[in-house]
Protein backbone atom coordinates (compact mmCIF):
# COMPACT_ATOMS: atom_id res chain seq x y z
CA MET A 1 -2.32 13.13 -12.40
CA SER A 2 -5.19 15.59 -12.54
CA THR A 3 -8.64 14.00 -12.69
CA PRO A 4 -11.35 16.16 -14.29
CA PRO A 5 -14.69 15.99 -12.48
CA THR A 6 -16.51 15.73 -15.82
CA LEU A 7 -15.72 15.26 -19.49
CA LYS A 8 -18.71 17.20 -20.81
CA LEU A 9 -17.89 20.51 -22.40
CA PRO A 10 -20.20 23.38 -21.41
CA PRO A 11 -22.36 24.94 -24.15
CA CYS A 12 -20.01 27.93 -24.36
CA ALA A 13 -17.07 25.75 -25.42
CA ARG A 14 -16.04 23.75 -28.42
CA ALA A 15 -13.20 21.36 -29.23
CA TYR A 16 -11.07 21.85 -32.33
CA ARG A 17 -7.49 21.88 -33.57
CA LEU A 18 -5.68 25.20 -33.35
CA GLU A 19 -3.36 25.82 -36.29
CA THR A 20 -0.15 27.63 -35.33
CA GLY A 21 3.22 28.38 -36.84
CA ARG A 22 4.63 25.42 -34.91
CA GLY A 23 2.01 22.82 -35.69
CA THR A 24 -1.50 21.84 -34.69
CA PHE A 25 -2.73 21.65 -31.09
CA ALA A 26 -5.98 20.22 -29.74
CA VAL A 27 -7.88 22.81 -27.71
CA HIS A 28 -11.07 23.47 -25.80
CA ASP A 29 -12.15 27.05 -26.52
CA ALA A 30 -14.80 28.68 -24.31
CA ARG A 31 -16.16 32.11 -25.25
CA PRO A 32 -18.43 34.61 -23.51
CA ASP A 33 -21.65 35.83 -25.08
CA GLY A 34 -20.24 39.26 -25.88
CA ALA A 35 -16.82 40.64 -26.69
CA PRO A 36 -14.28 39.05 -24.34
CA ALA A 37 -12.58 41.08 -21.64
CA GLY A 38 -9.46 39.09 -22.46
CA THR A 39 -8.22 35.69 -23.58
CA ALA A 40 -6.64 33.14 -21.24
CA LEU A 41 -4.35 30.35 -22.43
CA LEU A 42 -4.40 27.37 -20.03
CA VAL A 43 -1.39 25.02 -20.15
CA PRO A 44 -1.66 21.62 -18.42
CA GLY A 45 0.82 19.73 -16.32
CA PHE A 46 2.75 16.46 -16.35
CA THR A 47 0.57 13.55 -17.58
CA GLY A 48 -2.22 16.13 -18.05
CA SER A 49 -4.31 17.54 -20.85
CA LYS A 50 -6.80 20.25 -21.75
CA GLU A 51 -9.55 18.26 -20.01
CA ASP A 52 -8.03 19.19 -16.63
CA PHE A 53 -9.52 22.68 -17.15
CA ILE A 54 -13.04 21.66 -18.23
CA ALA A 55 -14.60 22.71 -14.92
CA LEU A 56 -13.05 26.19 -15.26
CA LEU A 57 -14.33 26.96 -18.74
CA GLU A 58 -17.91 27.97 -17.96
CA PRO A 59 -17.08 30.16 -14.92
CA LEU A 60 -14.38 31.99 -16.88
CA ALA A 61 -16.61 32.53 -19.92
CA ALA A 62 -19.50 33.66 -17.69
CA ALA A 63 -17.17 36.32 -16.25
CA GLY A 64 -16.42 37.61 -19.74
CA PHE A 65 -13.15 35.86 -20.58
CA ARG A 66 -12.33 33.63 -23.50
CA ALA A 67 -10.56 30.57 -22.07
CA VAL A 68 -8.53 28.22 -24.26
CA ALA A 69 -7.15 25.00 -22.76
CA VAL A 70 -4.53 23.23 -24.83
CA ASP A 71 -2.89 19.83 -25.18
CA GLY A 72 0.83 20.48 -25.55
CA ARG A 73 2.80 18.69 -28.20
CA GLY A 74 2.74 14.95 -27.56
CA GLN A 75 -0.03 15.30 -24.97
CA HIS A 76 -3.26 13.36 -25.52
CA GLU A 77 -4.82 14.70 -28.74
CA SER A 78 -1.93 16.90 -29.93
CA PRO A 79 0.57 15.12 -32.15
CA GLY A 80 4.24 14.88 -31.28
CA PRO A 81 7.28 13.05 -32.65
CA ARG A 82 9.09 10.11 -31.04
CA ASP A 83 12.13 12.35 -30.62
CA GLU A 84 13.30 13.51 -27.20
CA SER A 85 14.74 16.77 -28.53
CA ALA A 86 11.21 17.90 -29.49
CA TYR A 87 10.23 18.14 -25.82
CA GLU A 88 13.06 20.24 -24.43
CA GLN A 89 11.72 23.11 -22.36
CA ARG A 90 12.65 25.78 -24.89
CA GLU A 91 10.72 23.94 -27.61
CA LEU A 92 7.63 23.72 -25.42
CA ALA A 93 7.98 27.40 -24.48
CA LEU A 94 8.15 28.33 -28.17
CA ASP A 95 4.95 26.33 -28.69
CA VAL A 96 3.26 28.52 -26.07
CA HIS A 97 4.36 31.61 -27.99
CA ALA A 98 2.92 30.14 -31.19
CA GLN A 99 -0.37 29.33 -29.46
CA ALA A 100 -0.64 32.86 -28.06
CA GLU A 101 0.02 34.31 -31.51
CA ALA A 102 -2.63 32.06 -33.08
CA LEU A 103 -5.15 33.24 -30.47
CA GLY A 104 -4.49 36.86 -31.38
CA GLY A 105 -2.56 37.68 -28.17
CA PRO A 106 -1.62 39.14 -25.83
CA VAL A 107 -3.14 36.51 -23.54
CA HIS A 108 -3.40 35.88 -19.83
CA LEU A 109 -1.13 32.86 -19.42
CA LEU A 110 -1.73 30.10 -16.87
CA GLY A 111 0.43 27.03 -16.31
CA HIS A 112 -0.52 24.15 -14.02
CA SER A 113 2.26 22.13 -12.34
CA LEU A 114 4.80 21.29 -15.09
CA GLY A 115 2.87 23.84 -17.16
CA GLY A 116 4.00 26.46 -14.65
CA LEU A 117 7.64 25.74 -15.52
CA ILE A 118 6.88 25.81 -19.25
CA THR A 119 4.92 29.06 -19.09
CA ARG A 120 7.63 30.65 -16.94
CA ALA A 121 10.15 29.71 -19.63
CA ALA A 122 7.88 31.24 -22.28
CA VAL A 123 7.67 34.52 -20.37
CA LEU A 124 11.43 34.59 -19.88
CA LEU A 125 11.97 34.08 -23.61
CA ASP A 126 9.79 37.13 -24.34
CA PRO A 127 6.95 38.50 -22.20
CA ALA A 128 5.42 40.59 -25.00
CA PRO A 129 2.70 38.06 -26.02
CA PHE A 130 1.34 37.89 -22.47
CA ARG A 131 -0.82 40.15 -20.30
CA SER A 132 -0.17 38.25 -17.07
CA LEU A 133 1.22 34.98 -15.73
CA THR A 134 -0.54 32.69 -13.27
CA VAL A 135 1.50 29.84 -11.82
CA LEU A 136 -0.92 27.18 -10.54
CA SER A 137 0.42 24.50 -8.16
CA SER A 138 3.97 24.97 -9.45
CA GLY A 139 7.06 25.98 -7.54
CA PRO A 140 10.38 27.77 -7.87
CA ALA A 141 12.59 24.88 -8.94
CA ALA A 142 12.61 21.06 -8.97
CA ILE A 143 9.79 19.05 -7.41
CA ALA A 144 10.01 17.80 -3.82
CA GLU A 145 12.31 14.85 -3.09
CA PRO A 146 9.59 12.23 -2.45
CA GLN A 147 8.05 13.06 -5.81
CA GLN A 148 11.44 12.98 -7.48
CA ALA A 149 11.73 9.32 -6.53
CA ARG A 150 8.36 8.57 -8.14
CA VAL A 151 9.23 10.43 -11.33
CA ARG A 152 12.59 8.63 -11.60
CA MET A 153 10.78 5.31 -11.31
CA LEU A 154 8.37 6.38 -14.04
CA ILE A 155 11.18 7.48 -16.39
CA GLU A 156 12.97 4.17 -15.87
CA ALA A 157 9.78 2.23 -16.55
CA LEU A 158 9.02 4.19 -19.72
CA ALA A 159 12.48 3.37 -21.04
CA THR A 160 11.85 -0.39 -20.86
CA LEU A 161 8.08 -1.03 -20.90
CA ASP A 162 5.23 -0.10 -23.21
CA MET A 163 2.64 2.46 -22.12
CA GLU A 164 0.00 -0.13 -21.21
CA ALA A 165 2.41 -2.04 -18.98
CA VAL A 166 3.44 1.18 -17.23
CA TRP A 167 -0.22 2.12 -16.74
CA GLN A 168 -0.99 -1.23 -15.12
CA ALA A 169 2.04 -0.88 -12.83
CA MET A 170 0.93 2.62 -11.77
CA ARG A 171 -2.61 1.41 -11.08
CA ALA A 172 -1.24 -1.34 -8.86
CA LEU A 173 0.56 1.27 -6.76
CA ASP A 174 -2.49 3.53 -6.36
CA PRO A 175 -4.39 3.47 -3.07
CA VAL A 176 -7.69 1.65 -3.12
CA GLU A 177 -10.54 4.07 -3.83
CA THR A 178 -13.33 4.43 -1.30
CA ALA A 179 -16.95 4.47 -2.40
CA ASP A 180 -17.33 8.19 -1.73
CA ARG A 181 -14.20 9.08 -3.69
CA ALA A 182 -14.42 6.59 -6.55
CA THR A 183 -13.56 7.86 -10.02
CA PRO A 184 -16.59 7.69 -12.35
CA PRO A 185 -16.12 4.88 -14.88
CA GLU A 186 -16.16 7.22 -17.88
CA VAL A 187 -13.48 9.42 -16.29
CA GLY A 188 -11.37 6.38 -15.44
CA ALA A 189 -11.61 5.22 -19.02
CA PHE A 190 -10.58 8.69 -20.19
CA LEU A 191 -7.52 8.72 -17.91
CA HIS A 192 -6.43 5.39 -19.38
CA ARG A 193 -7.02 6.60 -22.95
CA ARG A 194 -5.18 9.87 -22.31
CA TRP A 195 -2.20 7.99 -20.91
CA LEU A 196 -2.01 5.70 -23.96
CA ASN A 197 -2.33 8.71 -26.29
CA THR A 198 0.59 10.58 -24.70
CA VAL A 199 3.98 10.24 -26.41
CA PRO A 200 6.36 8.47 -23.99
CA GLU A 201 9.28 10.69 -24.96
CA GLN A 202 7.23 13.70 -23.87
CA LEU A 203 6.86 12.17 -20.40
CA ILE A 204 10.51 11.15 -20.18
CA VAL A 205 11.91 14.55 -21.13
CA THR A 206 9.45 16.66 -19.13
CA GLY A 207 9.93 14.33 -16.17
CA ARG A 208 13.64 15.06 -16.29
CA GLN A 209 12.82 18.78 -16.38
CA MET A 210 10.90 18.50 -13.12
CA LEU A 211 13.86 16.72 -11.55
CA ALA A 212 16.46 19.28 -12.63
CA GLU A 213 14.61 22.61 -12.96
CA PRO A 214 16.77 25.45 -11.60
CA ASP A 215 15.42 28.27 -9.47
CA ARG A 216 14.55 31.04 -11.94
CA VAL A 217 12.44 33.16 -9.62
CA ALA A 218 14.85 36.09 -9.62
CA GLU A 219 14.79 36.17 -13.43
CA LEU A 220 11.01 36.11 -13.45
CA ALA A 221 10.76 38.78 -10.77
CA ALA A 222 12.69 41.14 -13.07
CA VAL A 223 10.01 40.83 -15.77
CA GLU A 224 7.40 43.59 -15.57
CA LEU A 225 4.30 41.45 -15.89
CA PRO A 226 1.46 40.93 -13.37
CA LYS A 227 2.02 37.60 -11.60
CA HIS A 228 -0.23 35.32 -9.58
CA VAL A 229 0.69 32.23 -7.55
CA VAL A 230 -2.22 29.88 -6.84
CA SER A 231 -2.27 26.58 -4.97
CA GLY A 232 -4.37 24.38 -2.75
CA THR A 233 -3.80 24.11 0.98
CA VAL A 234 -1.74 20.93 0.46
CA ASP A 235 0.64 20.08 -2.36
CA TYR A 236 2.82 17.01 -2.74
CA ALA A 237 4.86 18.22 -5.71
CA TRP A 238 5.89 21.63 -4.33
CA PRO A 239 5.19 22.19 -0.62
CA VAL A 240 2.90 25.16 0.00
CA PRO A 241 5.51 27.10 2.04
CA LEU A 242 7.78 27.03 -1.03
CA MET A 243 5.02 28.61 -3.10
CA ASP A 244 4.36 31.19 -0.37
CA ALA A 245 8.03 32.20 -0.46
CA MET A 246 8.08 32.23 -4.26
CA ALA A 247 5.11 34.61 -4.35
CA GLU A 248 6.91 36.98 -1.97
CA ARG A 249 10.05 36.90 -4.10
CA LEU A 250 7.97 37.65 -7.19
CA ALA A 251 5.91 40.36 -5.49
CA ALA A 252 3.00 38.35 -6.88
CA ARG A 253 -0.61 38.03 -5.83
CA ARG A 254 -1.00 34.88 -3.71
CA THR A 255 -4.17 32.78 -3.56
CA VAL A 256 -4.68 29.58 -1.57
CA ILE A 257 -7.79 27.60 -2.50
CA ASP A 258 -9.40 26.01 0.55
CA GLY A 259 -10.18 22.32 0.20
CA ALA A 260 -7.89 21.84 -2.80
CA GLU A 261 -4.62 19.99 -3.20
CA HIS A 262 -2.49 19.81 -6.37
CA SER A 263 -5.30 20.48 -8.86
CA PRO A 264 -7.51 23.38 -7.69
CA ASN A 265 -8.64 23.76 -11.32
CA ALA A 266 -10.40 20.38 -11.06
CA GLU A 267 -11.01 20.07 -7.32
CA ARG A 268 -12.40 23.54 -6.53
CA ALA A 269 -13.13 25.08 -9.90
CA ALA A 270 -15.58 27.77 -8.75
CA ALA A 271 -13.21 29.26 -6.17
CA THR A 272 -10.25 28.95 -8.53
CA GLY A 273 -12.14 30.62 -11.36
CA ALA A 274 -13.23 33.48 -9.11
CA ALA A 275 -9.62 34.09 -8.03
CA LEU A 276 -8.41 34.07 -11.64
CA VAL A 277 -11.11 36.47 -12.79
CA GLU A 278 -10.37 38.92 -9.98
CA PHE A 279 -6.67 38.85 -10.87
CA TRP A 280 -7.22 39.22 -14.61
CA GLN A 281 -9.67 42.07 -14.12
CA GLY A 282 -7.00 43.86 -12.08
CA SER A 283 -4.44 43.18 -14.83
CA ALA A 284 -6.49 44.71 -17.61
CA GLY A 285 -4.08 47.49 -18.34
């Protein structure tokens, strides 16, 4: 899961609940001092939340963009039903459309990891509400086989255990942290709280999506929308060569963030923000 480096919102941002035609979503909304050059909608990944983008908010606002990070339905502070059908990919894609509409679209759309699959589905439903699509640490189809095994284990555990028991089992499997890479206590407490707040059916259904996602790159390539593929230099969910090839098939801009792995948004926010701003400025038309 993504681990935000801080939980403190910058002065340019505020937390509130965004009202849409498909329900209420918790957001962090960062705004520049003047009129924005554009609005970006940031969609988190599996087990993630809006907090995964906190480190990006100030750099994006300083560059003139309004940046809105969202908890999807059933994620952390956004409500969601205990009904698996509510988390099918089409439903989540329609939520993205509703969020873009509520923000006054069209928006620059960014999806991290699972969010990349959801935002791709939103664009394929109808690209009109979007000015561009950035796929961040997300690949062309299902996740890599070693990660599939981990997700299957998680889905099985969620079907039989409560969220606290699953959390404790996951912690037991984590490598021991070294002193120089230890998670700050307040961030660790947040990760635990976020996990308990997330609706288990959301994790089960979206986990299945990552196991079975078809290759839809050709469909996306046919959509006339500026596209950007961003990743770290290492990725365990989708190997970097797969993302290189996907970018070529999409005729997309390709950015690799040095020193980052699966979450460049949290691990190397300054470099990631600079790459996003450069792309969005070139997609202003």
